[in-house]
């Protein structure tokens, strides 16, 4: 009868059960792995052989069949080494079979039988806890596995595990890793001038809105974006678990240390589509998923490949990335706050210095599709910083003061909407119509603006979302005309677009 144990296969951040069956049978000598295994799993045969040799054991000279069930589920990764080795040891009679039958086994073997750090331990431990089984993992991954709340058996090497199950050694359960202190953040006091941009940053942080800053080089766009992390509130317990599971699959958790600081990812504009939204041969998470519940900062936005940027349209709308493959689909969470920065034109000078203005600006900004810009709630021009601005004393308000107002506004949103995260940027359409219905004067202004600025239906509703956030920062339960007016001030008109043609007059409202 074959020896059995349990491990997991990853589909996105979901860990699915895989039964590992090992049988020593007659026939040609060798280890055969079946069950839709990739090359890393097939190479487990050599790592297991070398580990056994370092322990003074010889792999039986018979045909050894390793079956990974279910057979139609793709398996990849080196974490199948340990379950295969333990099941083979049980089949050889080195350790009792019932010792590993009722446990989730997860870990990569070294040639000297040591157990190496393996990505994905946290979701594997969560799956083991859901099955009611302990997880056996490398010692270095023990603090990470302990966060799942179930039983964990960490081991430094294969010999220690054999001794543990044979009663010669006791492996102590691990303690959860520490909550790491958030990294130091730059203060908003460092930014002189740019009061409107600071206000937009505050509104974006309060409601979870996407933000686009357009201005010449040196205007402080990147400085503002980098200071958004200090304004955002720390992750809640539920958000911390979501973010940590993605980081675990990506191999970014160090010694099980978690942090409540929201992710801040800033990929270079040369990033490929797979790097940005996820994909590749093994469908790994991309930058938009690694920024889940945090900020995705795209500097020099038009320099990104247009097709790569358009791939962000679905994640920004739905909060998840679906990577399709011929035989399966992988879904990663991607609820991000997009912050983008760009120059007004390719030369960067703007209207006062560019000799080809406005054609240069229209061509440069034309690399951004309308549907993508429609998903960015706040868009504003950032003027250059003057010598007079630099001579000013540091602002009175800094990150701490802005963060306090953001926390109050977010608390109001959480009290108002019970389901989901409650942020104004993410509530469903029905809820938005209920919580953001403007007063008569505000509705009149919004209707005029929708015609004058040729707002799409999405742009109309995103203006309402921003107005609701402005009202929350104002401490108002109602959305009034002044809130609508401020929200409309952040609807930027692209160069070369004549909105007057659609309104029969000037593209202004009063």
Protein backbone atom coordinates (compact mmCIF):
# COMPACT_ATOMS: atom_id res chain seq x y z
CA UNK A 1 0.00 0.00 0.00
CA UNK A 2 1.37 3.43 -0.94
CA UNK A 3 2.47 5.94 1.68
CA UNK A 4 0.58 9.21 1.64
CA UNK A 5 0.93 12.77 2.78
CA UNK A 6 -0.62 16.13 1.90
CA UNK A 7 0.74 19.36 0.42
CA UNK A 8 -0.73 22.27 -1.54
CA UNK A 9 -0.66 23.77 -5.03
CA UNK A 10 -1.10 27.50 -5.55
CA UNK A 11 -3.74 28.99 -7.81
CA UNK A 12 -3.12 32.69 -7.29
CA UNK A 13 -2.94 33.14 -3.53
CA UNK A 14 -5.33 30.23 -2.97
CA UNK A 15 -3.67 27.05 -1.70
CA UNK A 16 -5.44 23.90 -2.94
CA UNK A 17 -4.97 20.46 -1.43
CA UNK A 18 -2.70 17.99 -3.20
CA UNK A 19 -2.39 14.36 -2.08
CA UNK A 20 1.12 12.95 -2.45
CA UNK A 21 1.25 9.17 -2.91
CA UNK A 22 4.52 7.24 -3.08
CA UNK A 23 4.75 3.56 -3.96
CA UNK A 24 7.75 1.28 -4.38
CA UNK A 25 6.90 -1.13 -7.19
CA UNK A 26 8.71 -3.59 -9.41
CA UNK A 27 10.13 -2.60 -12.76
CA UNK A 28 12.86 -0.38 -14.10
CA UNK A 29 14.92 1.50 -11.52
CA UNK A 30 14.07 5.19 -11.09
CA UNK A 31 11.72 7.74 -9.57
CA UNK A 32 8.77 8.69 -11.74
CA UNK A 33 6.69 11.78 -10.85
CA UNK A 34 3.19 11.92 -12.36
CA UNK A 35 0.39 14.44 -11.91
CA UNK A 36 1.05 17.44 -14.20
CA UNK A 37 4.31 18.45 -12.49
CA UNK A 38 6.59 21.14 -13.89
CA UNK A 39 10.38 20.91 -14.17
CA UNK A 40 11.04 22.15 -10.61
CA UNK A 41 8.87 19.32 -9.23
CA UNK A 42 10.48 16.75 -11.51
CA UNK A 43 13.90 17.84 -10.29
CA UNK A 44 12.82 16.87 -6.76
CA UNK A 45 13.99 13.36 -7.62
CA UNK A 46 17.64 14.43 -7.62
CA UNK A 47 17.36 16.59 -4.53
CA UNK A 48 15.70 13.73 -2.63
CA UNK A 49 18.41 11.29 -3.74
CA UNK A 50 21.18 13.64 -2.61
CA UNK A 51 19.45 14.39 0.72
CA UNK A 52 19.04 10.67 1.44
CA UNK A 53 22.70 10.07 0.60
CA UNK A 54 23.78 12.78 3.06
CA UNK A 55 21.77 10.95 5.74
CA UNK A 56 23.42 7.64 4.93
CA UNK A 57 20.31 6.25 3.24
CA UNK A 58 20.07 4.74 -0.22
CA UNK A 59 17.01 5.14 -2.40
CA UNK A 60 15.62 1.65 -3.14
CA UNK A 61 16.76 0.23 -6.46
CA UNK A 62 13.21 -0.35 -7.60
CA UNK A 63 10.72 1.68 -9.57
CA UNK A 64 9.30 4.44 -7.31
CA UNK A 65 6.10 6.08 -8.45
CA UNK A 66 5.16 9.49 -7.03
CA UNK A 67 1.58 10.53 -7.79
CA UNK A 68 0.38 14.09 -7.19
CA UNK A 69 -3.40 14.16 -7.11
CA UNK A 70 -5.58 15.63 -8.52
CA UNK A 71 -3.77 14.89 -11.76
CA UNK A 72 -5.32 17.78 -13.76
CA UNK A 73 -4.14 20.51 -11.37
CA UNK A 74 -0.81 22.08 -12.45
CA UNK A 75 1.94 21.78 -9.83
CA UNK A 76 5.02 23.96 -9.74
CA UNK A 77 7.64 24.93 -7.19
CA UNK A 78 10.28 23.24 -5.05
CA UNK A 79 8.04 22.86 -1.98
CA UNK A 80 7.09 19.34 -3.16
CA UNK A 81 10.57 18.09 -2.13
CA UNK A 82 9.74 17.55 1.53
CA UNK A 83 6.36 15.79 1.08
CA UNK A 84 7.89 13.44 -1.50
CA UNK A 85 10.85 12.70 0.81
CA UNK A 86 8.70 12.05 3.90
CA UNK A 87 6.25 9.84 2.01
CA UNK A 88 9.18 7.86 0.56
CA UNK A 89 10.74 7.46 4.02
CA UNK A 90 7.41 6.16 5.31
CA UNK A 91 7.14 3.76 2.36
CA UNK A 92 10.69 2.53 3.11
CA UNK A 93 9.73 1.89 6.74
CA UNK A 94 12.14 4.45 8.17
CA UNK A 95 9.25 6.20 9.93
CA UNK A 96 5.63 5.23 10.59
CA UNK A 97 3.20 5.92 7.76
CA UNK A 98 0.55 7.41 10.03
CA UNK A 99 3.04 10.08 11.15
CA UNK A 100 2.79 11.99 7.87
CA UNK A 101 -0.62 10.96 6.55
CA UNK A 102 -2.47 13.64 8.50
CA UNK A 103 -0.26 16.68 7.98
CA UNK A 104 0.35 19.29 5.31
CA UNK A 105 4.04 19.06 4.34
CA UNK A 106 5.75 22.02 2.68
CA UNK A 107 9.43 22.71 2.05
CA UNK A 108 12.42 22.64 -0.26
CA UNK A 109 15.30 20.21 0.34
CA UNK A 110 18.97 21.04 0.08
CA UNK A 111 21.50 18.45 -1.05
CA UNK A 112 22.65 18.11 2.57
CA UNK A 113 19.05 17.41 3.77
CA UNK A 114 18.58 20.90 5.19
CA UNK A 115 15.25 22.65 4.65
CA UNK A 116 15.42 25.95 2.81
CA UNK A 117 13.16 29.00 3.05
CA UNK A 118 10.21 28.41 0.74
CA UNK A 119 7.77 31.09 -0.51
CA UNK A 120 4.06 30.63 0.12
CA UNK A 121 4.17 29.23 3.65
CA UNK A 122 1.51 31.59 5.03
CA UNK A 123 -1.29 30.64 2.58
CA UNK A 124 -0.22 26.99 2.92
CA UNK A 125 -0.53 27.23 6.70
CA UNK A 126 -3.92 28.92 6.33
CA UNK A 127 -5.07 26.05 4.12
CA UNK A 128 -3.73 23.48 6.61
CA UNK A 129 -5.59 25.21 9.43
CA UNK A 130 -8.77 25.10 7.33
CA UNK A 131 -8.29 21.34 6.83
CA UNK A 132 -7.72 20.84 10.55
CA UNK A 133 -4.17 19.54 9.94
CA UNK A 134 -0.76 20.65 11.22
CA UNK A 135 1.81 21.99 8.79
CA UNK A 136 5.36 20.68 8.57
CA UNK A 137 7.70 23.34 7.19
CA UNK A 138 11.31 24.60 7.27
CA UNK A 139 12.43 26.08 10.58
CA UNK A 140 13.09 29.47 8.98
CA UNK A 141 9.44 29.59 7.85
CA UNK A 142 8.05 28.69 11.29
CA UNK A 143 7.34 32.29 12.41
CA UNK A 144 5.42 32.88 9.19
CA UNK A 145 3.40 29.65 9.52
CA UNK A 146 2.52 30.50 13.13
CA UNK A 147 0.48 33.52 11.98
CA UNK A 148 -2.15 31.11 10.60
CA UNK A 149 -3.09 30.09 14.15
CA UNK A 150 -2.89 26.33 13.61
CA UNK A 151 -0.33 23.76 14.68
CA UNK A 152 3.06 24.08 13.00
CA UNK A 153 6.06 21.73 13.14
CA UNK A 154 9.21 23.54 11.97
CA UNK A 155 12.38 21.56 11.32
CA UNK A 156 15.94 22.60 10.39
CA UNK A 157 16.57 19.44 8.34
CA UNK A 158 15.19 16.08 7.33
CA UNK A 159 17.04 14.18 10.07
CA UNK A 160 15.38 16.27 12.78
CA UNK A 161 11.95 15.43 11.32
CA UNK A 162 12.71 11.69 11.28
CA UNK A 163 13.91 11.84 14.89
CA UNK A 164 10.82 13.82 15.86
CA UNK A 165 8.39 11.27 14.46
CA UNK A 166 10.39 8.35 15.85
CA UNK A 167 10.33 9.89 19.34
CA UNK A 168 14.03 10.73 19.58
CA UNK A 169 13.69 14.52 19.34
CA UNK A 170 10.98 17.06 20.06
CA UNK A 171 10.51 19.98 17.68
CA UNK A 172 9.07 22.98 19.51
CA UNK A 173 6.18 24.93 17.96
CA UNK A 174 7.19 28.34 16.56
CA UNK A 175 6.13 31.75 17.78
CA UNK A 176 4.61 34.19 15.29
CA UNK A 177 7.01 36.64 13.70
CA UNK A 178 7.08 40.18 14.96
CA UNK A 179 5.11 43.12 13.61
CA UNK A 180 7.87 45.19 12.09
CA UNK A 181 7.93 48.91 12.75
CA UNK A 182 6.81 50.90 9.71
CA UNK A 183 9.66 52.46 7.74
CA UNK A 184 10.25 56.17 8.28
CA UNK A 185 8.21 58.33 5.93
CA UNK A 186 9.05 61.74 4.52
CA UNK A 187 7.03 64.65 5.88
CA UNK A 188 4.74 66.88 3.83
CA UNK A 189 6.48 69.86 5.44
CA UNK A 190 9.34 69.21 3.05
CA UNK A 191 7.14 70.28 0.14
CA UNK A 192 7.03 74.05 -0.20
CA UNK A 193 4.17 75.61 -2.10
CA UNK A 194 1.88 73.33 -4.16
CA UNK A 195 -1.07 73.82 -1.79
CA UNK A 196 -3.62 72.62 -4.34
CA UNK A 197 -1.59 69.47 -4.97
CA UNK A 198 -1.40 68.82 -1.22
CA UNK A 199 -5.15 69.22 -1.02
CA UNK A 200 -5.58 66.71 -3.86
CA UNK A 201 -3.26 64.32 -2.03
CA UNK A 202 -5.39 64.62 1.11
CA UNK A 203 -8.62 63.98 -0.79
CA UNK A 204 -7.07 60.99 -2.58
CA UNK A 205 -5.90 59.50 0.72
CA UNK A 206 -9.24 60.09 2.44
CA UNK A 207 -11.38 58.41 -0.22
CA UNK A 208 -8.93 55.99 -1.86
CA UNK A 209 -9.08 57.88 -5.15
CA UNK A 210 -6.69 57.60 -8.08
CA UNK A 211 -4.56 60.68 -8.67
CA UNK A 212 -2.70 62.14 -11.66
CA UNK A 213 -0.17 64.97 -11.26
CA UNK A 214 0.88 66.83 -14.43
CA UNK A 215 3.69 69.34 -14.26
CA UNK A 216 7.19 70.26 -15.41
CA UNK A 217 10.30 68.56 -14.03
CA UNK A 218 11.18 69.71 -10.52
CA UNK A 219 7.64 70.73 -9.60
CA UNK A 220 7.54 68.19 -6.75
CA UNK A 221 5.28 65.52 -8.26
CA UNK A 222 7.37 62.58 -7.08
CA UNK A 223 7.89 64.19 -3.66
CA UNK A 224 4.14 64.45 -3.18
CA UNK A 225 3.50 60.87 -4.28
CA UNK A 226 6.17 59.48 -1.97
CA UNK A 227 4.60 61.27 0.99
CA UNK A 228 1.21 59.70 0.42
CA UNK A 229 2.34 56.57 2.32
CA UNK A 230 2.64 58.57 5.55
CA UNK A 231 -0.85 60.03 5.18
CA UNK A 232 -2.61 56.70 4.72
CA UNK A 233 -3.83 54.85 7.85
CA UNK A 234 -2.16 51.54 8.80
CA UNK A 235 -3.56 48.25 7.51
CA UNK A 236 -6.42 46.68 9.42
CA UNK A 237 -6.05 43.09 10.64
CA UNK A 238 -8.03 41.76 7.65
CA UNK A 239 -6.05 43.86 5.16
CA UNK A 240 -2.78 42.81 6.81
CA UNK A 241 -3.62 39.15 6.19
CA UNK A 242 -4.53 39.80 2.54
CA UNK A 243 -1.34 41.74 1.85
CA UNK A 244 0.87 39.26 3.73
CA UNK A 245 -0.47 36.28 1.76
CA UNK A 246 0.44 37.97 -1.54
CA UNK A 247 3.87 38.85 -0.21
CA UNK A 248 4.33 35.28 1.00
CA UNK A 249 3.56 33.83 -2.43
CA UNK A 250 5.97 36.36 -3.96
CA UNK A 251 8.67 35.42 -1.41
CA UNK A 252 8.84 38.91 0.11
CA UNK A 253 8.22 38.02 3.78
CA UNK A 254 11.45 37.86 5.79
CA UNK A 255 11.41 35.57 8.86
CA UNK A 256 7.66 35.96 9.17
CA UNK A 257 7.86 39.70 9.85
CA UNK A 258 4.64 41.48 8.97
CA UNK A 259 4.12 45.22 8.73
CA UNK A 260 1.02 47.37 8.96
CA UNK A 261 2.49 49.93 6.56
CA UNK A 262 0.60 49.99 3.30
CA UNK A 263 2.54 48.76 0.25
CA UNK A 264 4.10 51.39 -1.98
CA UNK A 265 5.28 50.07 -5.35
CA UNK A 266 6.97 52.25 -7.97
CA UNK A 267 7.92 50.19 -11.05
CA UNK A 268 10.13 51.67 -13.76
CA UNK A 269 8.41 52.73 -16.98
CA UNK A 270 10.23 49.94 -18.84
CA UNK A 271 8.21 47.32 -16.91
CA UNK A 272 6.55 44.70 -19.11
CA UNK A 273 2.87 43.82 -18.99
CA UNK A 274 3.63 40.62 -17.04
CA UNK A 275 5.70 42.60 -14.54
CA UNK A 276 2.98 45.20 -14.04
CA UNK A 277 -0.24 43.18 -13.99
CA UNK A 278 1.14 39.66 -13.44
CA UNK A 279 1.68 36.69 -15.66
CA UNK A 280 4.63 34.81 -17.06
CA UNK A 281 5.00 31.07 -17.35
CA UNK A 282 3.90 30.50 -13.74
CA UNK A 283 1.41 33.40 -13.58
CA UNK A 284 3.09 35.21 -10.70
CA UNK A 285 1.64 38.38 -9.12
CA UNK A 286 2.62 41.67 -10.74
CA UNK A 287 3.23 45.11 -9.29
CA UNK A 288 -0.47 45.93 -9.20
CA UNK A 289 -1.10 42.91 -6.93
CA UNK A 290 2.00 43.54 -4.81
CA UNK A 291 0.54 47.02 -4.20
CA UNK A 292 -2.81 45.57 -3.04
CA UNK A 293 -4.37 47.77 -0.32
CA UNK A 294 -1.60 50.29 -0.96
CA UNK A 295 -0.24 52.67 -3.58
CA UNK A 296 0.93 51.95 -7.12
CA UNK A 297 3.03 54.92 -8.23
CA UNK A 298 3.70 55.25 -11.96
CA UNK A 299 6.18 58.02 -12.67
CA UNK A 300 6.59 59.31 -16.25
CA UNK A 301 3.21 57.77 -17.08
CA UNK A 302 3.24 58.28 -20.90
CA UNK A 303 6.62 56.53 -21.12
CA UNK A 304 4.97 53.22 -20.20
CA UNK A 305 3.89 51.00 -23.07
CA UNK A 306 0.30 52.03 -23.95
CA UNK A 307 -0.87 48.40 -24.08
CA UNK A 308 0.66 47.80 -20.63
CA UNK A 309 -1.16 50.79 -19.19
CA UNK A 310 -4.46 49.73 -20.74
CA UNK A 311 -4.07 46.37 -19.03
CA UNK A 312 -4.60 48.27 -15.76
CA UNK A 313 -8.11 49.31 -16.72
CA UNK A 314 -9.79 46.14 -15.48
CA UNK A 315 -7.88 45.93 -12.16
CA UNK A 316 -8.65 49.58 -11.41
CA UNK A 317 -12.35 48.91 -11.99
CA UNK A 318 -12.79 45.48 -10.36
CA UNK A 319 -9.97 45.34 -7.81
CA UNK A 320 -8.56 42.07 -9.10
CA UNK A 321 -6.39 40.67 -11.90
CA UNK A 322 -7.51 37.60 -13.85
CA UNK A 323 -4.68 35.87 -15.73
CA UNK A 324 -6.06 33.43 -18.29
CA UNK A 325 -4.21 30.30 -19.32
CA UNK A 326 -5.23 27.53 -21.69
CA UNK A 327 -6.11 25.11 -18.88
CA UNK A 328 -6.85 27.37 -15.92
CA UNK A 329 -7.41 30.93 -14.68
CA UNK A 330 -5.47 32.62 -11.90
CA UNK A 331 -6.95 35.51 -9.91
CA UNK A 332 -4.91 37.91 -7.78
CA UNK A 333 -6.36 40.73 -5.67
CA UNK A 334 -5.42 44.20 -6.91
CA UNK A 335 -7.34 46.83 -4.94
CA UNK A 336 -4.82 49.64 -5.39
CA UNK A 337 -4.71 53.39 -5.28
CA UNK A 338 -3.07 54.57 -8.48
CA UNK A 339 -0.91 57.68 -8.27
CA UNK A 340 0.67 58.80 -11.52
CA UNK A 341 2.95 61.66 -12.51
CA UNK A 342 3.89 63.02 -15.90
CA UNK A 343 5.37 66.01 -17.69
CA UNK A 344 2.97 68.17 -19.70
CA UNK A 345 4.83 67.36 -22.93
CA UNK A 346 7.80 65.35 -24.12
CA UNK A 347 10.30 68.18 -23.68
CA UNK A 348 8.86 68.88 -20.22
CA UNK A 349 8.80 72.64 -20.55
CA UNK A 350 5.08 73.20 -20.70
CA UNK A 351 3.15 76.02 -22.35
CA UNK A 352 5.69 78.71 -21.53
CA UNK A 353 8.80 76.96 -22.87
CA UNK A 354 7.71 74.34 -25.42
CA UNK A 355 8.05 75.68 -28.99
CA UNK A 356 5.58 73.12 -30.34
CA UNK A 357 2.89 73.70 -27.71
CA UNK A 358 0.06 72.60 -27.72
CA UNK A 359 0.73 70.00 -30.40
CA UNK A 360 3.65 68.53 -28.48
CA UNK A 361 1.45 68.14 -25.39
CA UNK A 362 -1.42 66.63 -27.35
CA UNK A 363 0.87 64.05 -28.97
CA UNK A 364 2.60 63.18 -25.70
CA UNK A 365 -0.53 62.95 -23.60
CA UNK A 366 -2.29 61.20 -26.46
CA UNK A 367 -0.30 58.08 -25.53
CA UNK A 368 -2.76 57.74 -22.62
CA UNK A 369 -6.11 56.29 -23.57
CA UNK A 370 -9.32 58.05 -22.65
CA UNK A 371 -10.76 55.03 -20.77
CA UNK A 372 -7.64 54.90 -18.55
CA UNK A 373 -7.81 58.63 -17.75
CA UNK A 374 -11.52 58.26 -17.07
CA UNK A 375 -10.63 55.94 -14.18
CA UNK A 376 -8.43 58.57 -12.52
CA UNK A 377 -10.63 60.61 -10.19
CA UNK A 378 -8.29 63.51 -9.44
CA UNK A 379 -6.28 65.15 -12.23
CA UNK A 380 -4.52 68.45 -11.79
CA UNK A 381 -1.74 70.58 -13.23
CA UNK A 382 1.16 71.16 -10.85
CA UNK A 383 2.82 74.54 -11.53
CA UNK A 384 6.60 74.97 -11.31
CA UNK A 385 8.04 75.94 -7.94
CA UNK A 386 9.28 79.53 -7.89
CA UNK A 387 12.20 81.00 -5.99
CA UNK A 388 9.67 82.79 -3.76
CA UNK A 389 8.13 79.41 -2.83
CA UNK A 390 11.54 77.99 -1.91
CA UNK A 391 12.26 80.97 0.33
CA UNK A 392 9.11 80.39 2.38
CA UNK A 393 9.42 78.91 5.88
CA UNK A 394 8.30 75.26 6.34
CA UNK A 395 4.51 74.83 6.23
CA UNK A 396 2.65 74.74 9.53
CA UNK A 397 0.84 71.52 8.64
CA UNK A 398 2.72 68.32 7.98
CA UNK A 399 1.99 64.65 7.49
CA UNK A 400 0.67 64.10 11.02
CA UNK A 401 -2.01 66.79 10.76
CA UNK A 402 -3.18 65.64 7.32
CA UNK A 403 -3.17 61.99 8.41
CA UNK A 404 -5.41 62.85 11.37
CA UNK A 405 -8.04 64.40 9.08
CA UNK A 406 -7.78 61.45 6.69
CA UNK A 407 -8.37 59.02 9.57
CA UNK A 408 -11.50 60.91 10.64
CA UNK A 409 -12.86 60.93 7.08
CA UNK A 410 -12.19 57.21 6.63
CA UNK A 411 -13.87 56.43 9.96
CA UNK A 412 -16.99 58.27 8.74
CA UNK A 413 -17.00 56.17 5.56
CA UNK A 414 -16.60 52.92 7.51
CA UNK A 415 -19.53 53.85 9.78
CA UNK A 416 -21.71 54.74 6.78
CA UNK A 417 -21.04 51.60 4.70
CA UNK A 418 -20.92 48.27 6.54
CA UNK A 419 -19.93 45.98 3.66
CA UNK A 420 -16.51 46.06 1.98
CA UNK A 421 -13.86 48.61 2.91
CA UNK A 422 -16.40 51.46 2.72
CA UNK A 423 -14.13 53.83 0.81
CA UNK A 424 -15.93 56.26 -1.44
CA UNK A 425 -13.78 55.23 -4.40
CA UNK A 426 -14.86 51.58 -4.07
CA UNK A 427 -18.54 51.57 -3.01
CA UNK A 428 -21.01 50.09 -5.47
CA UNK A 429 -23.20 52.20 -7.72
CA UNK A 430 -26.40 51.80 -5.69
CA UNK A 431 -24.68 52.78 -2.47
CA UNK A 432 -23.05 55.77 -4.14
CA UNK A 433 -26.38 57.13 -5.34
CA UNK A 434 -27.67 56.90 -1.78
CA UNK A 435 -24.73 58.44 0.09
CA UNK A 436 -23.57 61.03 -2.46
CA UNK A 437 -26.83 62.52 -3.75
CA UNK A 438 -26.09 66.29 -3.95
CA UNK A 439 -28.45 69.06 -2.93
CA UNK A 440 -30.40 70.97 -5.58
CA UNK A 441 -27.69 73.57 -6.18
CA UNK A 442 -25.01 70.92 -6.35
CA UNK A 443 -27.03 68.82 -8.79
CA UNK A 444 -27.59 71.83 -11.05
CA UNK A 445 -23.85 72.58 -11.10
CA UNK A 446 -22.96 68.95 -11.80
CA UNK A 447 -25.46 68.72 -14.65
CA UNK A 448 -24.06 71.84 -16.31
CA UNK A 449 -20.50 70.60 -15.86
CA UNK A 450 -21.33 67.20 -17.30
CA UNK A 451 -22.41 68.92 -20.52
CA UNK A 452 -19.68 71.54 -20.64
CA UNK A 453 -16.85 69.10 -19.89
CA UNK A 454 -18.41 66.22 -21.86
CA UNK A 455 -18.19 63.92 -18.84
CA UNK A 456 -18.79 60.25 -19.48
CA UNK A 457 -21.09 58.31 -17.19
CA UNK A 458 -18.02 57.04 -15.36
CA UNK A 459 -16.60 60.56 -15.07
CA UNK A 460 -19.94 61.80 -13.73
CA UNK A 461 -20.05 59.21 -10.99
CA UNK A 462 -16.39 59.58 -10.12
CA UNK A 463 -16.98 63.29 -9.63
CA UNK A 464 -19.71 62.34 -7.17
CA UNK A 465 -17.30 60.02 -5.34
CA UNK A 466 -14.74 62.81 -4.98
CA UNK A 467 -17.43 65.26 -3.83
CA UNK A 468 -18.54 62.77 -1.17
CA UNK A 469 -14.94 62.58 0.10
CA UNK A 470 -14.64 66.37 0.15
CA UNK A 471 -17.83 66.49 2.22
CA UNK A 472 -16.40 63.88 4.62
CA UNK A 473 -13.26 65.98 5.11
CA UNK A 474 -15.54 68.95 5.69
CA UNK A 475 -17.50 66.99 8.31
CA UNK A 476 -20.71 67.36 6.30
CA UNK A 477 -23.33 64.64 6.01
CA UNK A 478 -24.73 66.22 2.83
CA UNK A 479 -22.99 66.81 -0.50
CA UNK A 480 -23.39 70.49 -1.28
CA UNK A 481 -22.60 72.76 -4.21
CA UNK A 482 -19.21 73.76 -2.76
CA UNK A 483 -18.21 70.10 -2.57
CA UNK A 484 -19.26 69.48 -6.18
CA UNK A 485 -17.34 72.59 -7.28
CA UNK A 486 -14.12 71.42 -5.64
CA UNK A 487 -14.50 67.94 -7.11
CA UNK A 488 -14.99 69.45 -10.59
CA UNK A 489 -11.85 71.55 -10.19
CA UNK A 490 -9.86 68.31 -10.37
CA UNK A 491 -11.36 67.23 -13.72
CA UNK A 492 -8.53 68.25 -16.01
CA UNK A 493 -9.15 69.04 -19.71
CA UNK A 494 -6.51 67.51 -22.00
CA UNK A 495 -4.59 69.81 -24.40
CA UNK A 496 -6.06 69.83 -27.87
CA UNK A 497 -9.55 68.94 -26.61
CA UNK A 498 -12.11 71.62 -27.37
CA UNK A 499 -14.87 71.00 -24.89
CA UNK A 500 -16.61 74.16 -26.07
CA UNK A 501 -17.57 72.30 -29.23
CA UNK A 502 -19.82 70.04 -27.24
CA UNK A 503 -21.36 72.74 -25.12
CA UNK A 504 -21.87 75.38 -27.79
CA UNK A 505 -19.77 77.88 -25.86
CA UNK A 506 -17.02 78.15 -23.30
CA UNK A 507 -16.03 75.05 -21.38
CA UNK A 508 -16.72 76.71 -18.06
CA UNK A 509 -19.58 76.46 -15.63
CA UNK A 510 -20.72 78.79 -12.92
